[in-house]
Amino acid sequence: MRRLIKGLRKGEKGFTLIELLVVIAILGIIAAIVVPNFGSFFGRGQTEACEIENRMVSTITIAYASDAGACPTAIGDLDAYFEDPTAVQGTYTFAGTYPACTVTQTACP
């Protein structure tokens, strides 16, 4: 059995140049497909986080307006409704008169 294994391996010293080039080409194709998609994942996550925060602030604005009977004038008016008020990353402007309060996200990092 050992002679059979040694006989098969005796003539083989490694990979040929063509085999190595084929492997490198395949890896290059895979990298060309995968790498651009990673950038879109990171950008999409930040956009979705901004949209979620905007919906949350809009919902809290409605809750504040129904409790206080007035529209908020600044994000600080809503601090009691947030678990962590410092976690709000966007910039918001408030307008309207009760009960038609509006909130607009002016900036999101």
C-alpha atoms as a PDB file:
ATOM      1  CA  MET A   1       0.000   0.000   0.000  1.00  0.00           C
ATOM      2  CA  ARG A   2       2.847   2.351   0.851  1.00  0.00           C
ATOM      3  CA  ARG A   3       4.478   1.675  -2.508  1.00  0.00           C
ATOM      4  CA  LEU A   4       1.263   2.585  -4.281  1.00  0.00           C
ATOM      5  CA  ILE A   5       0.982   5.932  -2.437  1.00  0.00           C
ATOM      6  CA  LYS A   6       4.692   6.721  -2.974  1.00  0.00           C
ATOM      7  CA  GLY A   7       4.386   5.821  -6.643  1.00  0.00           C
ATOM      8  CA  LEU A   8       1.481   8.247  -7.147  1.00  0.00           C
ATOM      9  CA  ARG A   9       3.226  11.103  -5.366  1.00  0.00           C
ATOM     10  CA  LYS A  10       6.665  10.536  -6.912  1.00  0.00           C
ATOM     11  CA  GLY A  11       6.019  12.459 -10.119  1.00  0.00           C
ATOM     12  CA  GLU A  12       3.954  15.269  -8.555  1.00  0.00           C
ATOM     13  CA  LYS A  13       5.903  18.200  -7.179  1.00  0.00           C
ATOM     14  CA  GLY A  14       3.172  20.853  -6.904  1.00  0.00           C
ATOM     15  CA  PHE A  15       0.613  22.821  -8.821  1.00  0.00           C
ATOM     16  CA  THR A  16       1.144  23.889 -12.416  1.00  0.00           C
ATOM     17  CA  LEU A  17       1.183  27.534 -13.408  1.00  0.00           C
ATOM     18  CA  ILE A  18      -2.149  27.202 -15.223  1.00  0.00           C
ATOM     19  CA  GLU A  19      -3.820  25.726 -12.138  1.00  0.00           C
ATOM     20  CA  LEU A  20      -2.575  28.616 -10.011  1.00  0.00           C
ATOM     21  CA  LEU A  21      -3.731  31.191 -12.573  1.00  0.00           C
ATOM     22  CA  VAL A  22      -7.197  29.630 -12.717  1.00  0.00           C
ATOM     23  CA  VAL A  23      -7.508  29.753  -8.916  1.00  0.00           C
ATOM     24  CA  ILE A  24      -6.345  33.392  -8.818  1.00  0.00           C
ATOM     25  CA  ALA A  25      -8.807  34.311 -11.581  1.00  0.00           C
ATOM     26  CA  ILE A  26     -11.684  32.676  -9.706  1.00  0.00           C
ATOM     27  CA  LEU A  27     -10.750  34.481  -6.487  1.00  0.00           C
ATOM     28  CA  GLY A  28     -10.548  37.758  -8.411  1.00  0.00           C
ATOM     29  CA  ILE A  29     -14.034  37.269  -9.851  1.00  0.00           C
ATOM     30  CA  ILE A  30     -15.459  36.465  -6.420  1.00  0.00           C
ATOM     31  CA  ALA A  31     -13.771  39.544  -4.918  1.00  0.00           C
ATOM     32  CA  ALA A  32     -15.115  41.753  -7.718  1.00  0.00           C
ATOM     33  CA  ILE A  33     -18.650  40.606  -6.907  1.00  0.00           C
ATOM     34  CA  VAL A  34     -18.471  40.649  -3.105  1.00  0.00           C
ATOM     35  CA  VAL A  35     -16.472  43.802  -2.271  1.00  0.00           C
ATOM     36  CA  PRO A  36     -18.873  46.395  -3.800  1.00  0.00           C
ATOM     37  CA  ASN A  37     -21.799  44.842  -1.919  1.00  0.00           C
ATOM     38  CA  PHE A  38     -20.173  45.448   1.475  1.00  0.00           C
ATOM     39  CA  GLY A  39     -20.242  49.209   0.930  1.00  0.00           C
ATOM     40  CA  SER A  40     -23.959  49.187   0.219  1.00  0.00           C
ATOM     41  CA  PHE A  41     -24.654  47.220   3.411  1.00  0.00           C
ATOM     42  CA  PHE A  42     -23.049  49.883   5.593  1.00  0.00           C
ATOM     43  CA  GLY A  43     -24.754  52.780   3.824  1.00  0.00           C
ATOM     44  CA  ARG A  44     -28.134  51.089   3.877  1.00  0.00           C
ATOM     45  CA  GLY A  45     -27.889  50.413   7.616  1.00  0.00           C
ATOM     46  CA  GLN A  46     -27.295  54.090   8.417  1.00  0.00           C
ATOM     47  CA  THR A  47     -30.196  55.143   6.188  1.00  0.00           C
ATOM     48  CA  GLU A  48     -32.553  52.665   7.841  1.00  0.00           C
ATOM     49  CA  ALA A  49     -31.450  53.804  11.308  1.00  0.00           C
ATOM     50  CA  CYS A  50     -32.283  57.412  10.385  1.00  0.00           C
ATOM     51  CA  GLU A  51     -35.703  56.400   9.057  1.00  0.00           C
ATOM     52  CA  ILE A  52     -36.495  54.414  12.197  1.00  0.00           C
ATOM     53  CA  GLU A  53     -35.431  57.288  14.447  1.00  0.00           C
ATOM     54  CA  ASN A  54     -37.576  59.694  12.420  1.00  0.00           C
ATOM     55  CA  ARG A  55     -40.652  57.466  12.845  1.00  0.00           C
ATOM     56  CA  MET A  56     -39.920  57.132  16.571  1.00  0.00           C
ATOM     57  CA  VAL A  57     -39.679  60.908  17.055  1.00  0.00           C
ATOM     58  CA  SER A  58     -42.898  61.390  15.055  1.00  0.00           C
ATOM     59  CA  THR A  59     -44.720  58.886  17.271  1.00  0.00           C
ATOM     60  CA  ILE A  60     -43.372  60.487  20.438  1.00  0.00           C
ATOM     61  CA  THR A  61     -44.464  63.901  19.135  1.00  0.00           C
ATOM     62  CA  ILE A  62     -48.027  62.617  18.851  1.00  0.00           C
ATOM     63  CA  ALA A  63     -47.829  61.206  22.391  1.00  0.00           C
ATOM     64  CA  TYR A  64     -46.465  64.500  23.738  1.00  0.00           C
ATOM     65  CA  ALA A  65     -49.153  66.510  21.956  1.00  0.00           C
ATOM     66  CA  SER A  66     -51.937  64.348  23.348  1.00  0.00           C
ATOM     67  CA  ASP A  67     -50.515  64.518  26.883  1.00  0.00           C
ATOM     68  CA  ALA A  68     -49.584  68.214  26.968  1.00  0.00           C
ATOM     69  CA  GLY A  69     -52.282  69.583  24.668  1.00  0.00           C
ATOM     70  CA  ALA A  70     -49.615  71.479  22.719  1.00  0.00           C
ATOM     71  CA  CYS A  71     -46.974  70.826  20.116  1.00  0.00           C
ATOM     72  CA  PRO A  72     -43.338  70.457  21.193  1.00  0.00           C
ATOM     73  CA  THR A  73     -40.992  73.277  20.217  1.00  0.00           C
ATOM     74  CA  ALA A  74     -37.682  71.439  20.613  1.00  0.00           C
ATOM     75  CA  ILE A  75     -36.387  67.891  20.955  1.00  0.00           C
ATOM     76  CA  GLY A  76     -35.698  68.636  24.620  1.00  0.00           C
ATOM     77  CA  ASP A  77     -39.454  68.779  25.270  1.00  0.00           C
ATOM     78  CA  LEU A  78     -39.607  65.065  24.465  1.00  0.00           C
ATOM     79  CA  ASP A  79     -36.841  63.939  26.854  1.00  0.00           C
ATOM     80  CA  ALA A  80     -39.308  62.345  29.277  1.00  0.00           C
ATOM     81  CA  TYR A  81     -40.517  60.019  26.512  1.00  0.00           C
ATOM     82  CA  PHE A  82     -37.076  58.643  25.630  1.00  0.00           C
ATOM     83  CA  GLU A  83     -35.328  55.928  27.582  1.00  0.00           C
ATOM     84  CA  ASP A  84     -32.014  57.671  26.779  1.00  0.00           C
ATOM     85  CA  PRO A  85     -32.506  61.210  25.404  1.00  0.00           C
ATOM     86  CA  THR A  86     -28.822  61.490  24.487  1.00  0.00           C
ATOM     87  CA  ALA A  87     -29.201  58.612  22.006  1.00  0.00           C
ATOM     88  CA  VAL A  88     -31.160  60.780  19.542  1.00  0.00           C
ATOM     89  CA  GLN A  89     -28.704  61.534  16.757  1.00  0.00           C
ATOM     90  CA  GLY A  90     -30.788  63.468  14.250  1.00  0.00           C
ATOM     91  CA  THR A  91     -31.764  67.133  14.199  1.00  0.00           C
ATOM     92  CA  TYR A  92     -35.481  67.887  14.170  1.00  0.00           C
ATOM     93  CA  THR A  93     -37.730  70.905  13.691  1.00  0.00           C
ATOM     94  CA  PHE A  94     -41.234  71.085  15.073  1.00  0.00           C
ATOM     95  CA  ALA A  95     -44.126  73.080  13.667  1.00  0.00           C
ATOM     96  CA  GLY A  96     -47.900  73.273  13.637  1.00  0.00           C
ATOM     97  CA  THR A  97     -50.494  73.926  16.244  1.00  0.00           C
ATOM     98  CA  TYR A  98     -52.222  71.380  18.396  1.00  0.00           C
ATOM     99  CA  PRO A  99     -53.580  68.862  17.297  1.00  0.00           C
ATOM    100  CA  ALA A 100     -51.817  69.114  13.915  1.00  0.00           C
ATOM    101  CA  CYS A 101     -48.214  68.933  15.108  1.00  0.00           C
ATOM    102  CA  THR A 102     -45.542  68.178  12.541  1.00  0.00           C
ATOM    103  CA  VAL A 103     -41.944  67.090  12.937  1.00  0.00           C
ATOM    104  CA  THR A 104     -39.271  67.219  10.238  1.00  0.00           C
ATOM    105  CA  GLN A 105     -35.901  65.515  10.356  1.00  0.00           C
ATOM    106  CA  THR A 106     -33.458  68.159   9.150  1.00  0.00           C
ATOM    107  CA  ALA A 107     -30.223  66.200   9.597  1.00  0.00           C
ATOM    108  CA  CYS A 108     -29.182  62.662  10.354  1.00  0.00           C
ATOM    109  CA  PRO A 109     -25.555  61.603  10.741  1.00  0.00           C
END
